[in-house]
Amino acid sequence: MYLKRLKELREDADIKQLAIADLLHITRQQYSLYETGKRPIPIHCLKILANFYHTSCDYILEVTDEIRPYKKSS
């Protein structure tokens, strides 16, 4: 499930939940609910996080193990 990837990406970047919550314009508690799976993460937040971590939504959602983002289509 994507919960593991969300937490791993954040911890690998040595970033606190509060900083990610600020990026998403939500509370730290709200973001914590996303990481623990108590609330599903909205797609718009997922897109922001994929861009922030320089990866793809598919990587976060564990559709792929390729961490590099896709190339933008023309």
PDB file of N, CA and C in Angstrom:
ATOM      1  N   MET A   1       0.834  -1.182   0.000  1.00  0.00           N
ATOM      2  CA  MET A   1       0.000   0.000   0.000  1.00  0.00           C
ATOM      3  C   MET A   1       0.880   1.247   0.000  1.00  0.00           C
ATOM      4  N   TYR A   2       0.360   2.333  -0.473  1.00  0.00           N
ATOM      5  CA  TYR A   2       1.148   3.557  -0.640  1.00  0.00           C
ATOM      6  C   TYR A   2       1.602   4.182   0.671  1.00  0.00           C
ATOM      7  N   LEU A   3       1.025   3.773   1.772  1.00  0.00           N
ATOM      8  CA  LEU A   3       1.372   4.379   3.063  1.00  0.00           C
ATOM      9  C   LEU A   3       2.860   4.240   3.354  1.00  0.00           C
ATOM     10  N   LYS A   4       3.398   3.073   3.064  1.00  0.00           N
ATOM     11  CA  LYS A   4       4.807   2.823   3.311  1.00  0.00           C
ATOM     12  C   LYS A   4       5.672   3.753   2.463  1.00  0.00           C
ATOM     13  N   ARG A   5       5.313   3.932   1.215  1.00  0.00           N
ATOM     14  CA  ARG A   5       6.105   4.787   0.325  1.00  0.00           C
ATOM     15  C   ARG A   5       6.033   6.249   0.756  1.00  0.00           C
ATOM     16  N   LEU A   6       4.859   6.707   1.164  1.00  0.00           N
ATOM     17  CA  LEU A   6       4.735   8.100   1.618  1.00  0.00           C
ATOM     18  C   LEU A   6       5.694   8.369   2.764  1.00  0.00           C
ATOM     19  N   LYS A   7       5.688   7.485   3.730  1.00  0.00           N
ATOM     20  CA  LYS A   7       6.545   7.664   4.904  1.00  0.00           C
ATOM     21  C   LYS A   7       8.019   7.526   4.529  1.00  0.00           C
ATOM     22  N   GLU A   8       8.351   6.534   3.704  1.00  0.00           N
ATOM     23  CA  GLU A   8       9.748   6.342   3.293  1.00  0.00           C
ATOM     24  C   GLU A   8      10.293   7.547   2.543  1.00  0.00           C
ATOM     25  N   LEU A   9       9.520   8.079   1.620  1.00  0.00           N
ATOM     26  CA  LEU A   9       9.970   9.253   0.869  1.00  0.00           C
ATOM     27  C   LEU A   9      10.229  10.431   1.801  1.00  0.00           C
ATOM     28  N   ARG A  10       9.322  10.640   2.735  1.00  0.00           N
ATOM     29  CA  ARG A  10       9.468  11.752   3.674  1.00  0.00           C
ATOM     30  C   ARG A  10      10.686  11.551   4.564  1.00  0.00           C
ATOM     31  N   GLU A  11      10.835  10.357   5.119  1.00  0.00           N
ATOM     32  CA  GLU A  11      11.953  10.097   6.019  1.00  0.00           C
ATOM     33  C   GLU A  11      13.294  10.110   5.280  1.00  0.00           C
ATOM     34  N   ASP A  12      13.318   9.573   4.050  1.00  0.00           N
ATOM     35  CA  ASP A  12      14.563   9.597   3.270  1.00  0.00           C
ATOM     36  C   ASP A  12      15.006  11.025   2.970  1.00  0.00           C
ATOM     37  N   ALA A  13      14.046  11.924   2.838  1.00  0.00           N
ATOM     38  CA  ALA A  13      14.361  13.332   2.594  1.00  0.00           C
ATOM     39  C   ALA A  13      14.617  14.078   3.905  1.00  0.00           C
ATOM     40  N   ASP A  14      14.498  13.368   5.026  1.00  0.00           N
ATOM     41  CA  ASP A  14      14.707  13.941   6.363  1.00  0.00           C
ATOM     42  C   ASP A  14      13.794  15.151   6.595  1.00  0.00           C
ATOM     43  N   ILE A  15      12.514  14.939   6.302  1.00  0.00           N
ATOM     44  CA  ILE A  15      11.512  15.993   6.426  1.00  0.00           C
ATOM     45  C   ILE A  15      10.472  15.579   7.456  1.00  0.00           C
ATOM     46  N   LYS A  16      10.058  16.494   8.267  1.00  0.00           N
ATOM     47  CA  LYS A  16       9.027  16.244   9.278  1.00  0.00           C
ATOM     48  C   LYS A  16       7.636  16.305   8.644  1.00  0.00           C
ATOM     49  N   GLN A  17       6.683  15.641   9.287  1.00  0.00           N
ATOM     50  CA  GLN A  17       5.303  15.669   8.810  1.00  0.00           C
ATOM     51  C   GLN A  17       4.777  17.097   8.704  1.00  0.00           C
ATOM     52  N   LEU A  18       5.165  17.951   9.620  1.00  0.00           N
ATOM     53  CA  LEU A  18       4.679  19.334   9.623  1.00  0.00           C
ATOM     54  C   LEU A  18       5.075  20.062   8.338  1.00  0.00           C
ATOM     55  N   ALA A  19       6.288  19.831   7.858  1.00  0.00           N
ATOM     56  CA  ALA A  19       6.742  20.488   6.626  1.00  0.00           C
ATOM     57  C   ALA A  19       5.920  20.019   5.426  1.00  0.00           C
ATOM     58  N   ILE A  20       5.617  18.746   5.377  1.00  0.00           N
ATOM     59  CA  ILE A  20       4.798  18.226   4.277  1.00  0.00           C
ATOM     60  C   ILE A  20       3.378  18.754   4.391  1.00  0.00           C
ATOM     61  N   ALA A  21       2.874  18.805   5.600  1.00  0.00           N
ATOM     62  CA  ALA A  21       1.531  19.357   5.816  1.00  0.00           C
ATOM     63  C   ALA A  21       1.473  20.808   5.345  1.00  0.00           C
ATOM     64  N   ASP A  22       2.500  21.580   5.650  1.00  0.00           N
ATOM     65  CA  ASP A  22       2.548  22.975   5.188  1.00  0.00           C
ATOM     66  C   ASP A  22       2.556  23.044   3.663  1.00  0.00           C
ATOM     67  N   LEU A  23       3.306  22.158   3.027  1.00  0.00           N
ATOM     68  CA  LEU A  23       3.350  22.102   1.567  1.00  0.00           C
ATOM     69  C   LEU A  23       1.955  21.850   0.991  1.00  0.00           C
ATOM     70  N   LEU A  24       1.191  20.993   1.653  1.00  0.00           N
ATOM     71  CA  LEU A  24      -0.143  20.623   1.190  1.00  0.00           C
ATOM     72  C   LEU A  24      -1.241  21.553   1.707  1.00  0.00           C
ATOM     73  N   HIS A  25      -0.861  22.503   2.551  1.00  0.00           N
ATOM     74  CA  HIS A  25      -1.809  23.454   3.159  1.00  0.00           C
ATOM     75  C   HIS A  25      -2.870  22.735   3.999  1.00  0.00           C
ATOM     76  N   ILE A  26      -2.376  21.772   4.791  1.00  0.00           N
ATOM     77  CA  ILE A  26      -3.241  21.046   5.716  1.00  0.00           C
ATOM     78  C   ILE A  26      -2.540  20.986   7.066  1.00  0.00           C
ATOM     79  N   THR A  27      -3.203  20.429   8.063  1.00  0.00           N
ATOM     80  CA  THR A  27      -2.573  20.299   9.378  1.00  0.00           C
ATOM     81  C   THR A  27      -1.671  19.070   9.409  1.00  0.00           C
ATOM     82  N   ARG A  28      -0.762  19.047  10.361  1.00  0.00           N
ATOM     83  CA  ARG A  28       0.101  17.885  10.539  1.00  0.00           C
ATOM     84  C   ARG A  28      -0.745  16.659  10.877  1.00  0.00           C
ATOM     85  N   GLN A  29      -1.783  16.869  11.675  1.00  0.00           N
ATOM     86  CA  GLN A  29      -2.659  15.765  12.055  1.00  0.00           C
ATOM     87  C   GLN A  29      -3.347  15.166  10.820  1.00  0.00           C
ATOM     88  N   GLN A  30      -3.773  16.041   9.919  1.00  0.00           N
ATOM     89  CA  GLN A  30      -4.406  15.565   8.678  1.00  0.00           C
ATOM     90  C   GLN A  30      -3.426  14.731   7.866  1.00  0.00           C
ATOM     91  N   TYR A  31      -2.208  15.227   7.720  1.00  0.00           N
ATOM     92  CA  TYR A  31      -1.216  14.468   6.964  1.00  0.00           C
ATOM     93  C   TYR A  31      -0.915  13.134   7.632  1.00  0.00           C
ATOM     94  N   SER A  32      -0.845  13.126   8.944  1.00  0.00           N
ATOM     95  CA  SER A  32      -0.612  11.891   9.684  1.00  0.00           C
ATOM     96  C   SER A  32      -1.685  10.854   9.373  1.00  0.00           C
ATOM     97  N   LEU A  33      -2.929  11.303   9.220  1.00  0.00           N
ATOM     98  CA  LEU A  33      -4.021  10.389   8.864  1.00  0.00           C
ATOM     99  C   LEU A  33      -3.789   9.767   7.491  1.00  0.00           C
ATOM    100  N   TYR A  34      -3.185  10.507   6.575  1.00  0.00           N
ATOM    101  CA  TYR A  34      -2.857   9.965   5.258  1.00  0.00           C
ATOM    102  C   TYR A  34      -1.784   8.881   5.376  1.00  0.00           C
ATOM    103  N   GLU A  35      -0.731   9.166   6.143  1.00  0.00           N
ATOM    104  CA  GLU A  35       0.373   8.216   6.286  1.00  0.00           C
ATOM    105  C   GLU A  35      -0.047   6.948   7.021  1.00  0.00           C
ATOM    106  N   THR A  36      -0.985   7.056   7.936  1.00  0.00           N
ATOM    107  CA  THR A  36      -1.418   5.880   8.696  1.00  0.00           C
ATOM    108  C   THR A  36      -2.568   5.133   8.028  1.00  0.00           C
ATOM    109  N   GLY A  37      -3.098   5.685   6.958  1.00  0.00           N
ATOM    110  CA  GLY A  37      -4.173   5.022   6.240  1.00  0.00           C
ATOM    111  C   GLY A  37      -5.549   5.205   6.839  1.00  0.00           C
ATOM    112  N   LYS A  38      -5.658   6.112   7.784  1.00  0.00           N
ATOM    113  CA  LYS A  38      -6.959   6.365   8.406  1.00  0.00           C
ATOM    114  C   LYS A  38      -7.838   7.265   7.552  1.00  0.00           C
ATOM    115  N   ARG A  39      -7.223   7.875   6.559  1.00  0.00           N
ATOM    116  CA  ARG A  39      -7.960   8.710   5.613  1.00  0.00           C
ATOM    117  C   ARG A  39      -7.247   8.617   4.261  1.00  0.00           C
ATOM    118  N   PRO A  40      -8.001   8.442   3.168  1.00  0.00           N
ATOM    119  CA  PRO A  40      -7.343   8.356   1.855  1.00  0.00           C
ATOM    120  C   PRO A  40      -6.774   9.714   1.440  1.00  0.00           C
ATOM    121  N   ILE A  41      -5.646   9.658   0.761  1.00  0.00           N
ATOM    122  CA  ILE A  41      -5.013  10.900   0.321  1.00  0.00           C
ATOM    123  C   ILE A  41      -5.687  11.378  -0.970  1.00  0.00           C
ATOM    124  N   PRO A  42      -6.077  12.645  -1.031  1.00  0.00           N
ATOM    125  CA  PRO A  42      -6.691  13.173  -2.254  1.00  0.00           C
ATOM    126  C   PRO A  42      -5.696  13.187  -3.420  1.00  0.00           C
ATOM    127  N   ILE A  43      -6.218  13.024  -4.611  1.00  0.00           N
ATOM    128  CA  ILE A  43      -5.372  12.973  -5.801  1.00  0.00           C
ATOM    129  C   ILE A  43      -4.544  14.247  -5.952  1.00  0.00           C
ATOM    130  N   HIS A  44      -5.133  15.413  -5.666  1.00  0.00           N
ATOM    131  CA  HIS A  44      -4.360  16.649  -5.844  1.00  0.00           C
ATOM    132  C   HIS A  44      -3.160  16.687  -4.891  1.00  0.00           C
ATOM    133  N   CYS A  45      -3.286  16.114  -3.704  1.00  0.00           N
ATOM    134  CA  CYS A  45      -2.161  16.046  -2.762  1.00  0.00           C
ATOM    135  C   CYS A  45      -1.118  15.048  -3.258  1.00  0.00           C
ATOM    136  N   LEU A  46      -1.578  13.954  -3.811  1.00  0.00           N
ATOM    137  CA  LEU A  46      -0.679  12.942  -4.354  1.00  0.00           C
ATOM    138  C   LEU A  46       0.178  13.531  -5.479  1.00  0.00           C
ATOM    139  N   LYS A  47      -0.437  14.323  -6.339  1.00  0.00           N
ATOM    140  CA  LYS A  47       0.298  14.957  -7.429  1.00  0.00           C
ATOM    141  C   LYS A  47       1.342  15.943  -6.896  1.00  0.00           C
ATOM    142  N   ILE A  48       0.977  16.717  -5.890  1.00  0.00           N
ATOM    143  CA  ILE A  48       1.921  17.663  -5.283  1.00  0.00           C
ATOM    144  C   ILE A  48       3.107  16.913  -4.703  1.00  0.00           C
ATOM    145  N   LEU A  49       2.840  15.827  -3.993  1.00  0.00           N
ATOM    146  CA  LEU A  49       3.916  15.057  -3.369  1.00  0.00           C
ATOM    147  C   LEU A  49       4.815  14.389  -4.415  1.00  0.00           C
ATOM    148  N   ALA A  50       4.232  13.871  -5.473  1.00  0.00           N
ATOM    149  CA  ALA A  50       5.043  13.256  -6.531  1.00  0.00           C
ATOM    150  C   ALA A  50       5.984  14.295  -7.132  1.00  0.00           C
ATOM    151  N   ASN A  51       5.489  15.472  -7.392  1.00  0.00           N
ATOM    152  CA  ASN A  51       6.351  16.544  -7.924  1.00  0.00           C
ATOM    153  C   ASN A  51       7.411  16.948  -6.909  1.00  0.00           C
ATOM    154  N   PHE A  52       7.021  17.074  -5.662  1.00  0.00           N
ATOM    155  CA  PHE A  52       7.946  17.483  -4.605  1.00  0.00           C
ATOM    156  C   PHE A  52       9.098  16.484  -4.448  1.00  0.00           C
ATOM    157  N   TYR A  53       8.767  15.195  -4.474  1.00  0.00           N
ATOM    158  CA  TYR A  53       9.779  14.148  -4.295  1.00  0.00           C
ATOM    159  C   TYR A  53      10.455  13.737  -5.613  1.00  0.00           C
ATOM    160  N   HIS A  54      10.090  14.380  -6.710  1.00  0.00           N
ATOM    161  CA  HIS A  54      10.657  14.078  -8.026  1.00  0.00           C
ATOM    162  C   HIS A  54      10.458  12.598  -8.378  1.00  0.00           C
ATOM    163  N   THR A  55       9.218  12.169  -8.259  1.00  0.00           N
ATOM    164  CA  THR A  55       8.858  10.800  -8.590  1.00  0.00           C
ATOM    165  C   THR A  55       7.501  10.812  -9.288  1.00  0.00           C
ATOM    166  N   SER A  56       6.879   9.668  -9.414  1.00  0.00           N
ATOM    167  CA  SER A  56       5.563   9.592 -10.053  1.00  0.00           C
ATOM    168  C   SER A  56       4.510   9.146  -9.044  1.00  0.00           C
ATOM    169  N   CYS A  57       3.281   9.442  -9.355  1.00  0.00           N
ATOM    170  CA  CYS A  57       2.172   8.955  -8.520  1.00  0.00           C
ATOM    171  C   CYS A  57       2.175   7.430  -8.516  1.00  0.00           C
ATOM    172  N   ASP A  58       2.536   6.822  -9.638  1.00  0.00           N
ATOM    173  CA  ASP A  58       2.590   5.364  -9.716  1.00  0.00           C
ATOM    174  C   ASP A  58       3.602   4.787  -8.729  1.00  0.00           C
ATOM    175  N   TYR A  59       4.721   5.466  -8.543  1.00  0.00           N
ATOM    176  CA  TYR A  59       5.707   4.993  -7.573  1.00  0.00           C
ATOM    177  C   TYR A  59       5.131   5.070  -6.164  1.00  0.00           C
ATOM    178  N   ILE A  60       4.531   6.186  -5.820  1.00  0.00           N
ATOM    179  CA  ILE A  60       3.950   6.341  -4.490  1.00  0.00           C
ATOM    180  C   ILE A  60       2.866   5.296  -4.248  1.00  0.00           C
ATOM    181  N   LEU A  61       2.075   5.011  -5.283  1.00  0.00           N
ATOM    182  CA  LEU A  61       0.968   4.048  -5.154  1.00  0.00           C
ATOM    183  C   LEU A  61       1.425   2.599  -5.330  1.00  0.00           C
ATOM    184  N   GLU A  62       2.732   2.396  -5.495  1.00  0.00           N
ATOM    185  CA  GLU A  62       3.336   1.073  -5.650  1.00  0.00           C
ATOM    186  C   GLU A  62       2.869   0.331  -6.896  1.00  0.00           C
ATOM    187  N   VAL A  63       2.548   1.094  -7.944  1.00  0.00           N
ATOM    188  CA  VAL A  63       2.231   0.495  -9.236  1.00  0.00           C
ATOM    189  C   VAL A  63       3.537   0.103  -9.923  1.00  0.00           C
ATOM    190  N   THR A  64       4.597   0.866  -9.633  1.00  0.00           N
ATOM    191  CA  THR A  64       5.922   0.608 -10.189  1.00  0.00           C
ATOM    192  C   THR A  64       6.962   0.770  -9.085  1.00  0.00           C
ATOM    193  N   ASP A  65       8.108   0.158  -9.307  1.00  0.00           N
ATOM    194  CA  ASP A  65       9.231   0.338  -8.386  1.00  0.00           C
ATOM    195  C   ASP A  65      10.244   1.329  -8.947  1.00  0.00           C
ATOM    196  N   GLU A  66       9.934   1.893 -10.100  1.00  0.00           N
ATOM    197  CA  GLU A  66      10.802   2.889 -10.741  1.00  0.00           C
ATOM    198  C   GLU A  66      10.561   4.238 -10.083  1.00  0.00           C
ATOM    199  N   ILE A  67      11.548   4.733  -9.357  1.00  0.00           N
ATOM    200  CA  ILE A  67      11.364   5.979  -8.595  1.00  0.00           C
ATOM    201  C   ILE A  67      11.431   7.225  -9.478  1.00  0.00           C
ATOM    202  N   ARG A  68      12.120   7.118 -10.624  1.00  0.00           N
ATOM    203  CA  ARG A  68      12.231   8.289 -11.500  1.00  0.00           C
ATOM    204  C   ARG A  68      10.864   8.628 -12.095  1.00  0.00           C
ATOM    205  N   PRO A  69      10.569   9.905 -12.198  1.00  0.00           N
ATOM    206  CA  PRO A  69       9.271  10.300 -12.780  1.00  0.00           C
ATOM    207  C   PRO A  69       9.245  10.022 -14.276  1.00  0.00           C
ATOM    208  N   TYR A  70       8.054   9.939 -14.803  1.00  0.00           N
ATOM    209  CA  TYR A  70       7.876   9.772 -16.242  1.00  0.00           C
ATOM    210  C   TYR A  70       8.279  11.066 -16.945  1.00  0.00           C
ATOM    211  N   LYS A  71       8.673  10.932 -18.193  1.00  0.00           N
ATOM    212  CA  LYS A  71       8.937  12.113 -19.001  1.00  0.00           C
ATOM    213  C   LYS A  71       7.606  12.729 -19.375  1.00  0.00           C
ATOM    214  N   LYS A  72       7.563  14.042 -19.381  1.00  0.00           N
ATOM    215  CA  LYS A  72       6.334  14.752 -19.778  1.00  0.00           C
ATOM    216  C   LYS A  72       6.095  14.558 -21.263  1.00  0.00           C
ATOM    217  N   SER A  73       4.844  14.324 -21.617  1.00  0.00           N
ATOM    218  CA  SER A  73       4.503  14.183 -23.034  1.00  0.00           C
ATOM    219  C   SER A  73       4.357  15.564 -23.660  1.00  0.00           C
ATOM    220  N   SER A  74       4.640  15.645 -24.938  1.00  0.00           N
ATOM    221  CA  SER A  74       4.577  16.929 -25.628  1.00  0.00           C
ATOM    222  C   SER A  74       3.177  17.301 -25.997  1.00  0.00           C
TER     223      SER A  74
END
